[in-house]
Amino acid sequence: MKNYIALLALAITISSCGSDNLSNSKAKDILKECLEKSPEQRTARITIGKATFRDRDYDKELLQKYKTLLDEGLIEMTMINEVKTGYRKRKEFEVKLTEKALEHMENVPENDGTAEAKTYKYVVDEVLEVHETPSTNTAVVKVNFKASEITPFAIFAKKEPSEFWLQKLKFTKTSNGWKYCDNF
């Protein structure tokens, strides 16, 4: 009888330790590993070479962003021309990247054009919920991401870096455990 109870206790311990359920912490660890391999990097575009700014609210705001980068020593700007035709005005500048800016660049054109600057990366803030579907060996995981490694070029980002990004992701259960980004 003692052997039977000891064997039963051992079986319960082994089965509880080897749980195949996807917990919040396990999902967070899998996502962190995935983001190390393939970061969720956000970028913005910036005009290099000849940049034209018209007398409109949007262009005025954009010019102010360029001037912010100029003040931080990330770009060099020289006014080429100021054109006034009737009530319309526009200013043309020559824009160049400095060495300090190159560490934040994802893609820089050989000639004038549009450069792509890193703005920030998303990292996992918290896993909010995990909903498993055992019949299909899948799980939907609701994740809250936050921005990190925010660069000065984040002023050009479409989304404010301080805002969280809520995403539902699909995990798959394989013979090797739960997977999200790995090839099965």
C-alpha atoms as a PDB file:
ATOM      1  CA  MET A   1       0.000   0.000   0.000  1.00  0.00           C
ATOM      2  CA  LYS A   2       2.858   2.400   0.866  1.00  0.00           C
ATOM      3  CA  ASN A   3       4.457   1.692  -2.516  1.00  0.00           C
ATOM      4  CA  TYR A   4       1.171   2.426  -4.277  1.00  0.00           C
ATOM      5  CA  ILE A   5       0.792   5.815  -2.485  1.00  0.00           C
ATOM      6  CA  ALA A   6       4.434   6.737  -3.176  1.00  0.00           C
ATOM      7  CA  LEU A   7       4.019   5.811  -6.860  1.00  0.00           C
ATOM      8  CA  LEU A   8       0.789   7.826  -7.079  1.00  0.00           C
ATOM      9  CA  ALA A   9       2.459  10.873  -5.452  1.00  0.00           C
ATOM     10  CA  LEU A  10       5.384  10.617  -7.888  1.00  0.00           C
ATOM     11  CA  ALA A  11       3.006  10.418 -10.884  1.00  0.00           C
ATOM     12  CA  ILE A  12       1.062  13.479  -9.711  1.00  0.00           C
ATOM     13  CA  THR A  13       4.290  15.440  -9.182  1.00  0.00           C
ATOM     14  CA  ILE A  14       5.641  14.556 -12.631  1.00  0.00           C
ATOM     15  CA  SER A  15       2.365  15.347 -14.399  1.00  0.00           C
ATOM     16  CA  SER A  16       1.986  18.706 -12.648  1.00  0.00           C
ATOM     17  CA  CYS A  17       5.582  19.738 -13.450  1.00  0.00           C
ATOM     18  CA  GLY A  18       5.285  18.837 -17.109  1.00  0.00           C
ATOM     19  CA  SER A  19       2.164  20.908 -17.730  1.00  0.00           C
ATOM     20  CA  ASP A  20       1.597  21.735 -21.377  1.00  0.00           C
ATOM     21  CA  ASN A  21      -0.629  24.700 -20.586  1.00  0.00           C
ATOM     22  CA  LEU A  22       0.454  28.080 -21.909  1.00  0.00           C
ATOM     23  CA  SER A  23       0.741  30.496 -19.010  1.00  0.00           C
ATOM     24  CA  ASN A  24       1.159  34.264 -19.207  1.00  0.00           C
ATOM     25  CA  SER A  25       4.792  34.043 -18.111  1.00  0.00           C
ATOM     26  CA  LYS A  26       5.579  31.247 -20.589  1.00  0.00           C
ATOM     27  CA  ALA A  27       3.988  33.266 -23.426  1.00  0.00           C
ATOM     28  CA  LYS A  28       5.979  36.357 -22.392  1.00  0.00           C
ATOM     29  CA  ASP A  29       9.235  34.368 -22.441  1.00  0.00           C
ATOM     30  CA  ILE A  30       8.464  32.966 -25.913  1.00  0.00           C
ATOM     31  CA  LEU A  31       7.686  36.459 -27.235  1.00  0.00           C
ATOM     32  CA  LYS A  32      10.848  37.955 -25.729  1.00  0.00           C
ATOM     33  CA  GLU A  33      12.883  35.238 -27.431  1.00  0.00           C
ATOM     34  CA  CYS A  34      11.132  35.950 -30.739  1.00  0.00           C
ATOM     35  CA  LEU A  35      11.761  39.696 -30.455  1.00  0.00           C
ATOM     36  CA  GLU A  36      15.456  39.065 -29.797  1.00  0.00           C
ATOM     37  CA  LYS A  37      15.684  37.155 -33.085  1.00  0.00           C
ATOM     38  CA  SER A  38      13.493  39.535 -35.073  1.00  0.00           C
ATOM     39  CA  PRO A  39      12.919  42.905 -33.356  1.00  0.00           C
ATOM     40  CA  GLU A  40       9.692  44.829 -33.934  1.00  0.00           C
ATOM     41  CA  GLN A  41      11.481  47.980 -35.173  1.00  0.00           C
ATOM     42  CA  ARG A  42       9.520  51.062 -36.231  1.00  0.00           C
ATOM     43  CA  THR A  43      10.934  53.530 -38.743  1.00  0.00           C
ATOM     44  CA  ALA A  44      10.128  56.926 -40.235  1.00  0.00           C
ATOM     45  CA  ARG A  45      11.098  58.554 -43.511  1.00  0.00           C
ATOM     46  CA  ILE A  46      13.071  61.756 -43.835  1.00  0.00           C
ATOM     47  CA  THR A  47      13.939  63.659 -47.014  1.00  0.00           C
ATOM     48  CA  ILE A  48      17.643  63.995 -47.779  1.00  0.00           C
ATOM     49  CA  GLY A  49      18.857  66.469 -50.379  1.00  0.00           C
ATOM     50  CA  LYS A  50      16.373  69.037 -51.601  1.00  0.00           C
ATOM     51  CA  ALA A  51      13.416  69.418 -49.235  1.00  0.00           C
ATOM     52  CA  THR A  52      10.577  71.831 -50.009  1.00  0.00           C
ATOM     53  CA  PHE A  53       8.268  73.269 -47.368  1.00  0.00           C
ATOM     54  CA  ARG A  54       5.164  75.204 -48.357  1.00  0.00           C
ATOM     55  CA  ASP A  55       3.270  77.769 -46.324  1.00  0.00           C
ATOM     56  CA  ARG A  56       0.795  75.218 -44.934  1.00  0.00           C
ATOM     57  CA  ASP A  57       0.218  73.998 -41.399  1.00  0.00           C
ATOM     58  CA  TYR A  58       1.458  70.474 -42.173  1.00  0.00           C
ATOM     59  CA  ASP A  59       4.668  71.741 -43.789  1.00  0.00           C
ATOM     60  CA  LYS A  60       5.235  74.242 -40.986  1.00  0.00           C
ATOM     61  CA  GLU A  61       5.047  71.420 -38.420  1.00  0.00           C
ATOM     62  CA  LEU A  62       7.336  69.270 -40.551  1.00  0.00           C
ATOM     63  CA  LEU A  63       9.867  72.093 -40.900  1.00  0.00           C
ATOM     64  CA  GLN A  64       9.828  72.510 -37.115  1.00  0.00           C
ATOM     65  CA  LYS A  65      10.707  68.797 -36.746  1.00  0.00           C
ATOM     66  CA  TYR A  66      13.636  69.250 -39.126  1.00  0.00           C
ATOM     67  CA  LYS A  67      14.780  72.268 -37.104  1.00  0.00           C
ATOM     68  CA  THR A  68      14.656  70.150 -33.940  1.00  0.00           C
ATOM     69  CA  LEU A  69      16.991  67.632 -35.584  1.00  0.00           C
ATOM     70  CA  LEU A  70      19.202  70.527 -36.708  1.00  0.00           C
ATOM     71  CA  ASP A  71      19.409  71.814 -33.108  1.00  0.00           C
ATOM     72  CA  GLU A  72      20.374  68.319 -31.910  1.00  0.00           C
ATOM     73  CA  GLY A  73      23.169  68.127 -34.494  1.00  0.00           C
ATOM     74  CA  LEU A  74      21.646  65.233 -36.453  1.00  0.00           C
ATOM     75  CA  ILE A  75      21.206  67.068 -39.756  1.00  0.00           C
ATOM     76  CA  GLU A  76      22.638  70.046 -41.598  1.00  0.00           C
ATOM     77  CA  MET A  77      20.168  72.371 -43.334  1.00  0.00           C
ATOM     78  CA  THR A  78      20.960  75.170 -45.739  1.00  0.00           C
ATOM     79  CA  MET A  79      18.279  77.336 -47.366  1.00  0.00           C
ATOM     80  CA  ILE A  80      18.611  77.159 -51.151  1.00  0.00           C
ATOM     81  CA  ASN A  81      15.691  79.253 -52.264  1.00  0.00           C
ATOM     82  CA  GLU A  82      12.599  81.084 -51.030  1.00  0.00           C
ATOM     83  CA  VAL A  83       9.863  81.450 -53.638  1.00  0.00           C
ATOM     84  CA  LYS A  84       6.860  83.759 -53.389  1.00  0.00           C
ATOM     85  CA  THR A  85       4.252  83.536 -56.147  1.00  0.00           C
ATOM     86  CA  GLY A  86       1.167  85.546 -55.344  1.00  0.00           C
ATOM     87  CA  TYR A  87      -0.037  84.503 -51.928  1.00  0.00           C
ATOM     88  CA  ARG A  88       1.897  81.197 -52.037  1.00  0.00           C
ATOM     89  CA  LYS A  89       5.286  80.806 -50.413  1.00  0.00           C
ATOM     90  CA  ARG A  90       7.700  77.929 -50.254  1.00  0.00           C
ATOM     91  CA  LYS A  91      11.188  77.414 -48.901  1.00  0.00           C
ATOM     92  CA  GLU A  92      13.710  74.983 -50.311  1.00  0.00           C
ATOM     93  CA  PHE A  93      16.484  73.540 -48.170  1.00  0.00           C
ATOM     94  CA  GLU A  94      19.467  71.271 -48.734  1.00  0.00           C
ATOM     95  CA  VAL A  95      19.327  68.595 -46.022  1.00  0.00           C
ATOM     96  CA  LYS A  96      22.294  66.365 -45.121  1.00  0.00           C
ATOM     97  CA  LEU A  97      22.748  63.772 -42.399  1.00  0.00           C
ATOM     98  CA  THR A  98      25.592  64.149 -39.908  1.00  0.00           C
ATOM     99  CA  GLU A  99      27.771  61.314 -38.625  1.00  0.00           C
ATOM    100  CA  LYS A 100      25.787  61.431 -35.378  1.00  0.00           C
ATOM    101  CA  ALA A 101      22.578  60.641 -37.312  1.00  0.00           C
ATOM    102  CA  LEU A 102      23.974  57.629 -39.180  1.00  0.00           C
ATOM    103  CA  GLU A 103      23.789  55.377 -36.101  1.00  0.00           C
ATOM    104  CA  HIS A 104      19.988  55.815 -36.128  1.00  0.00           C
ATOM    105  CA  MET A 105      19.515  55.153 -39.843  1.00  0.00           C
ATOM    106  CA  GLU A 106      18.056  51.971 -41.257  1.00  0.00           C
ATOM    107  CA  ASN A 107      18.488  52.884 -44.924  1.00  0.00           C
ATOM    108  CA  VAL A 108      20.263  55.854 -46.524  1.00  0.00           C
ATOM    109  CA  PRO A 109      20.024  56.539 -50.279  1.00  0.00           C
ATOM    110  CA  GLU A 110      23.275  56.961 -52.220  1.00  0.00           C
ATOM    111  CA  ASN A 111      21.990  60.169 -53.794  1.00  0.00           C
ATOM    112  CA  ASP A 112      19.261  62.501 -52.649  1.00  0.00           C
ATOM    113  CA  GLY A 113      15.959  60.921 -51.733  1.00  0.00           C
ATOM    114  CA  THR A 114      14.209  59.435 -48.751  1.00  0.00           C
ATOM    115  CA  ALA A 115      16.161  57.964 -45.859  1.00  0.00           C
ATOM    116  CA  GLU A 116      14.653  55.558 -43.376  1.00  0.00           C
ATOM    117  CA  ALA A 117      15.413  56.287 -39.709  1.00  0.00           C
ATOM    118  CA  LYS A 118      14.877  54.029 -36.707  1.00  0.00           C
ATOM    119  CA  THR A 119      12.358  55.554 -34.323  1.00  0.00           C
ATOM    120  CA  TYR A 120      11.799  52.925 -31.610  1.00  0.00           C
ATOM    121  CA  LYS A 121      11.417  49.201 -30.937  1.00  0.00           C
ATOM    122  CA  TYR A 122       8.492  47.443 -29.358  1.00  0.00           C
ATOM    123  CA  VAL A 123       9.086  45.140 -26.388  1.00  0.00           C
ATOM    124  CA  VAL A 124       6.615  43.050 -24.412  1.00  0.00           C
ATOM    125  CA  ASP A 125       5.192  45.001 -21.497  1.00  0.00           C
ATOM    126  CA  GLU A 126       2.792  42.332 -20.267  1.00  0.00           C
ATOM    127  CA  VAL A 127       0.720  39.386 -21.415  1.00  0.00           C
ATOM    128  CA  LEU A 128      -2.867  40.214 -20.530  1.00  0.00           C
ATOM    129  CA  GLU A 129      -4.595  36.919 -21.241  1.00  0.00           C
ATOM    130  CA  VAL A 130      -4.109  33.507 -22.819  1.00  0.00           C
ATOM    131  CA  HIS A 131      -7.006  31.636 -24.378  1.00  0.00           C
ATOM    132  CA  GLU A 132      -6.147  28.055 -25.396  1.00  0.00           C
ATOM    133  CA  THR A 133      -8.107  26.021 -27.924  1.00  0.00           C
ATOM    134  CA  PRO A 134      -7.082  22.390 -27.248  1.00  0.00           C
ATOM    135  CA  SER A 135      -8.966  20.959 -30.252  1.00  0.00           C
ATOM    136  CA  THR A 136      -6.755  22.914 -32.698  1.00  0.00           C
ATOM    137  CA  ASN A 137      -3.577  23.057 -30.565  1.00  0.00           C
ATOM    138  CA  THR A 138      -3.584  26.855 -30.717  1.00  0.00           C
ATOM    139  CA  ALA A 139      -3.817  29.736 -28.309  1.00  0.00           C
ATOM    140  CA  VAL A 140      -4.717  33.393 -28.753  1.00  0.00           C
ATOM    141  CA  VAL A 141      -2.527  35.578 -26.583  1.00  0.00           C
ATOM    142  CA  LYS A 142      -3.421  39.195 -25.865  1.00  0.00           C
ATOM    143  CA  VAL A 143      -0.191  41.182 -25.463  1.00  0.00           C
ATOM    144  CA  ASN A 144       0.541  44.765 -24.489  1.00  0.00           C
ATOM    145  CA  PHE A 145       3.725  46.131 -26.126  1.00  0.00           C
ATOM    146  CA  LYS A 146       5.592  49.310 -25.189  1.00  0.00           C
ATOM    147  CA  ALA A 147       8.207  51.354 -27.021  1.00  0.00           C
ATOM    148  CA  SER A 148      11.880  51.211 -26.061  1.00  0.00           C
ATOM    149  CA  GLU A 149      15.153  52.505 -27.493  1.00  0.00           C
ATOM    150  CA  ILE A 150      13.414  55.695 -28.640  1.00  0.00           C
ATOM    151  CA  THR A 151      15.607  57.735 -31.012  1.00  0.00           C
ATOM    152  CA  PRO A 152      15.443  61.485 -31.796  1.00  0.00           C
ATOM    153  CA  PHE A 153      13.801  60.564 -35.123  1.00  0.00           C
ATOM    154  CA  ALA A 154      10.708  59.379 -33.217  1.00  0.00           C
ATOM    155  CA  ILE A 155       9.271  62.872 -33.770  1.00  0.00           C
ATOM    156  CA  PHE A 156       8.511  61.654 -37.318  1.00  0.00           C
ATOM    157  CA  ALA A 157       6.732  58.483 -36.141  1.00  0.00           C
ATOM    158  CA  LYS A 158       3.126  58.002 -37.175  1.00  0.00           C
ATOM    159  CA  LYS A 159       2.246  56.741 -33.704  1.00  0.00           C
ATOM    160  CA  GLU A 160       3.311  58.398 -30.475  1.00  0.00           C
ATOM    161  CA  PRO A 161       5.940  56.127 -28.797  1.00  0.00           C
ATOM    162  CA  SER A 162       4.363  56.606 -25.360  1.00  0.00           C
ATOM    163  CA  GLU A 163       1.188  54.858 -26.536  1.00  0.00           C
ATOM    164  CA  PHE A 164       0.917  51.129 -25.889  1.00  0.00           C
ATOM    165  CA  TRP A 165       0.310  48.698 -28.714  1.00  0.00           C
ATOM    166  CA  LEU A 166      -2.238  45.993 -27.922  1.00  0.00           C
ATOM    167  CA  GLN A 167      -2.064  42.908 -30.136  1.00  0.00           C
ATOM    168  CA  LYS A 168      -3.670  39.467 -30.294  1.00  0.00           C
ATOM    169  CA  LEU A 169      -1.192  36.814 -31.388  1.00  0.00           C
ATOM    170  CA  LYS A 170      -1.721  33.189 -32.358  1.00  0.00           C
ATOM    171  CA  PHE A 171       0.535  30.562 -30.767  1.00  0.00           C
ATOM    172  CA  THR A 172       0.732  26.954 -31.973  1.00  0.00           C
ATOM    173  CA  LYS A 173       1.349  23.893 -29.844  1.00  0.00           C
ATOM    174  CA  THR A 174       3.817  21.436 -31.372  1.00  0.00           C
ATOM    175  CA  SER A 175       5.532  18.301 -30.137  1.00  0.00           C
ATOM    176  CA  ASN A 176       8.378  20.576 -28.974  1.00  0.00           C
ATOM    177  CA  GLY A 177       6.079  22.869 -26.962  1.00  0.00           C
ATOM    178  CA  TRP A 178       4.425  26.195 -27.704  1.00  0.00           C
ATOM    179  CA  LYS A 179       5.730  28.167 -30.676  1.00  0.00           C
ATOM    180  CA  TYR A 180       5.110  31.641 -32.046  1.00  0.00           C
ATOM    181  CA  CYS A 181       7.907  32.730 -34.371  1.00  0.00           C
ATOM    182  CA  ASP A 182       9.927  29.537 -34.891  1.00  0.00           C
ATOM    183  CA  ASN A 183       9.561  27.297 -37.876  1.00  0.00           C
ATOM    184  CA  PHE A 184       7.671  24.244 -36.761  1.00  0.00           C
END
